[in-house]
Amino acid sequence: MVKSYYVTFEYVNGKTACYELAPGRGLAGIKEQIKKFRWYEVSSTEIVNLDNVLSVKIEDVK
């Protein structure tokens, strides 16, 4: 079973967006993507530009 995570992005304009993600490489894959690039693909049609993000919170799906 693939583990899922809630990833919440807080934007500079005060808005937040939360996604349930199940990355193939797990938590390390999420952290590596965020650290290495300034964007994160949350679905096949939506990419979050991390230049507009103040913080990223990652939680286990319970």
N, C-alpha and C. Protein backbone atom coordinates (compact mmCIF):
# COMPACT_ATOMS: atom_id res chain seq x y z
N MET A 1 0.84 -1.19 0.00
CA MET A 1 0.00 0.00 0.00
C MET A 1 0.88 1.25 0.00
N VAL A 2 0.55 2.19 -0.86
CA VAL A 2 1.31 3.43 -0.97
C VAL A 2 0.82 4.40 0.09
N LYS A 3 1.76 4.97 0.82
CA LYS A 3 1.41 5.92 1.88
C LYS A 3 1.07 7.28 1.29
N SER A 4 0.05 7.90 1.84
CA SER A 4 -0.38 9.23 1.39
C SER A 4 -0.02 10.28 2.43
N TYR A 5 0.11 11.51 1.96
CA TYR A 5 0.44 12.64 2.82
C TYR A 5 -0.46 13.81 2.46
N TYR A 6 -0.84 14.60 3.47
CA TYR A 6 -1.49 15.89 3.22
C TYR A 6 -0.37 16.92 3.11
N VAL A 7 -0.34 17.63 2.02
CA VAL A 7 0.66 18.67 1.82
C VAL A 7 -0.10 19.99 1.69
N THR A 8 0.16 20.91 2.64
CA THR A 8 -0.52 22.20 2.66
C THR A 8 0.46 23.30 2.28
N PHE A 9 0.11 24.07 1.28
CA PHE A 9 0.92 25.20 0.83
C PHE A 9 0.26 26.48 1.32
N GLU A 10 1.03 27.33 2.02
CA GLU A 10 0.53 28.65 2.44
C GLU A 10 1.15 29.69 1.51
N TYR A 11 0.29 30.42 0.82
CA TYR A 11 0.75 31.38 -0.18
C TYR A 11 1.00 32.76 0.44
N VAL A 12 1.78 33.58 -0.28
CA VAL A 12 2.11 34.92 0.19
C VAL A 12 0.87 35.80 0.31
N ASN A 13 -0.20 35.50 -0.43
CA ASN A 13 -1.42 36.30 -0.38
C ASN A 13 -2.35 35.87 0.76
N GLY A 14 -1.90 34.92 1.60
CA GLY A 14 -2.69 34.49 2.75
C GLY A 14 -3.55 33.27 2.51
N LYS A 15 -3.69 32.85 1.27
CA LYS A 15 -4.50 31.68 0.95
C LYS A 15 -3.70 30.41 1.21
N THR A 16 -4.42 29.30 1.42
CA THR A 16 -3.78 28.01 1.56
C THR A 16 -4.44 27.01 0.62
N ALA A 17 -3.70 25.98 0.29
CA ALA A 17 -4.22 24.90 -0.54
C ALA A 17 -3.68 23.59 0.02
N CYS A 18 -4.56 22.62 0.20
CA CYS A 18 -4.15 21.34 0.75
C CYS A 18 -4.44 20.24 -0.27
N TYR A 19 -3.49 19.34 -0.44
CA TYR A 19 -3.62 18.24 -1.39
C TYR A 19 -3.27 16.94 -0.69
N GLU A 20 -3.96 15.88 -1.04
CA GLU A 20 -3.58 14.55 -0.57
C GLU A 20 -2.75 13.92 -1.67
N LEU A 21 -1.49 13.66 -1.37
CA LEU A 21 -0.56 13.15 -2.36
C LEU A 21 -0.02 11.79 -1.93
N ALA A 22 0.20 10.93 -2.89
CA ALA A 22 0.80 9.63 -2.64
C ALA A 22 1.98 9.47 -3.60
N PRO A 23 3.08 10.14 -3.31
CA PRO A 23 4.22 10.11 -4.22
C PRO A 23 4.89 8.75 -4.23
N GLY A 24 5.41 8.38 -5.38
CA GLY A 24 6.07 7.09 -5.51
C GLY A 24 7.29 6.94 -4.62
N ARG A 25 7.95 8.04 -4.32
CA ARG A 25 9.16 7.99 -3.50
C ARG A 25 8.89 8.41 -2.06
N GLY A 26 7.63 8.50 -1.68
CA GLY A 26 7.28 8.80 -0.29
C GLY A 26 7.65 10.20 0.15
N LEU A 27 7.81 10.34 1.44
CA LEU A 27 8.10 11.64 2.05
C LEU A 27 9.41 12.22 1.53
N ALA A 28 10.41 11.38 1.34
CA ALA A 28 11.70 11.86 0.82
C ALA A 28 11.53 12.45 -0.58
N GLY A 29 10.64 11.87 -1.36
CA GLY A 29 10.38 12.38 -2.71
C GLY A 29 9.76 13.76 -2.68
N ILE A 30 8.82 13.97 -1.75
CA ILE A 30 8.20 15.30 -1.62
C ILE A 30 9.24 16.32 -1.23
N LYS A 31 10.02 16.01 -0.19
CA LYS A 31 11.03 16.96 0.31
C LYS A 31 12.09 17.26 -0.74
N GLU A 32 12.52 16.24 -1.48
CA GLU A 32 13.53 16.45 -2.51
C GLU A 32 13.00 17.34 -3.62
N GLN A 33 11.76 17.11 -4.04
CA GLN A 33 11.15 17.92 -5.10
C GLN A 33 11.07 19.38 -4.67
N ILE A 34 10.63 19.63 -3.44
CA ILE A 34 10.48 21.00 -2.94
C ILE A 34 11.84 21.68 -2.81
N LYS A 35 12.83 20.96 -2.33
CA LYS A 35 14.17 21.54 -2.12
C LYS A 35 14.89 21.79 -3.45
N LYS A 36 14.77 20.85 -4.38
CA LYS A 36 15.54 20.89 -5.62
C LYS A 36 14.96 21.85 -6.65
N PHE A 37 13.63 21.93 -6.70
CA PHE A 37 12.95 22.75 -7.70
C PHE A 37 12.11 23.81 -7.01
N ARG A 38 11.65 24.80 -7.76
CA ARG A 38 10.79 25.85 -7.20
C ARG A 38 9.34 25.64 -7.63
N TRP A 39 8.96 24.38 -7.86
CA TRP A 39 7.59 24.05 -8.21
C TRP A 39 7.31 22.64 -7.73
N TYR A 40 6.01 22.32 -7.60
CA TYR A 40 5.62 20.97 -7.21
C TYR A 40 4.37 20.59 -7.99
N GLU A 41 4.43 19.46 -8.67
CA GLU A 41 3.30 18.98 -9.46
C GLU A 41 2.34 18.23 -8.54
N VAL A 42 1.18 18.82 -8.26
CA VAL A 42 0.23 18.22 -7.32
C VAL A 42 -0.79 17.34 -8.04
N SER A 43 -0.92 17.49 -9.34
CA SER A 43 -1.78 16.61 -10.13
C SER A 43 -1.30 16.71 -11.58
N SER A 44 -1.92 15.94 -12.43
CA SER A 44 -1.50 15.97 -13.84
C SER A 44 -1.84 17.28 -14.52
N THR A 45 -2.69 18.09 -13.88
CA THR A 45 -3.10 19.36 -14.49
C THR A 45 -2.75 20.58 -13.66
N GLU A 46 -2.15 20.40 -12.48
CA GLU A 46 -1.87 21.55 -11.61
C GLU A 46 -0.48 21.49 -11.02
N ILE A 47 0.23 22.61 -11.14
CA ILE A 47 1.58 22.75 -10.59
C ILE A 47 1.59 23.94 -9.64
N VAL A 48 2.16 23.76 -8.45
CA VAL A 48 2.29 24.85 -7.49
C VAL A 48 3.66 25.50 -7.70
N ASN A 49 3.66 26.82 -7.94
CA ASN A 49 4.89 27.58 -8.06
C ASN A 49 5.34 27.96 -6.65
N LEU A 50 6.46 27.43 -6.21
CA LEU A 50 6.91 27.63 -4.83
C LEU A 50 7.49 29.02 -4.58
N ASP A 51 7.67 29.82 -5.64
CA ASP A 51 8.11 31.20 -5.43
C ASP A 51 7.02 32.02 -4.74
N ASN A 52 5.77 31.58 -4.83
CA ASN A 52 4.65 32.29 -4.22
C ASN A 52 4.21 31.66 -2.90
N VAL A 53 5.01 30.74 -2.37
CA VAL A 53 4.64 29.98 -1.17
C VAL A 53 5.49 30.40 0.02
N LEU A 54 4.83 30.69 1.16
CA LEU A 54 5.55 31.04 2.39
C LEU A 54 5.99 29.79 3.14
N SER A 55 5.11 28.79 3.21
CA SER A 55 5.45 27.59 3.96
C SER A 55 4.76 26.37 3.37
N VAL A 56 5.35 25.22 3.67
CA VAL A 56 4.81 23.94 3.24
C VAL A 56 4.73 23.05 4.48
N LYS A 57 3.54 22.50 4.73
CA LYS A 57 3.35 21.61 5.87
C LYS A 57 2.97 20.23 5.34
N ILE A 58 3.66 19.19 5.83
CA ILE A 58 3.42 17.82 5.38
C ILE A 58 2.97 16.99 6.58
N GLU A 59 1.82 16.33 6.43
CA GLU A 59 1.28 15.49 7.50
C GLU A 59 0.90 14.13 6.94
N ASP A 60 1.00 13.11 7.77
CA ASP A 60 0.55 11.78 7.38
C ASP A 60 -0.96 11.76 7.27
N VAL A 61 -1.47 11.01 6.31
CA VAL A 61 -2.90 10.77 6.23
C VAL A 61 -3.20 9.67 7.23
N LYS A 62 -4.15 9.90 8.09
CA LYS A 62 -4.46 8.91 9.14
C LYS A 62 -5.61 8.05 8.75
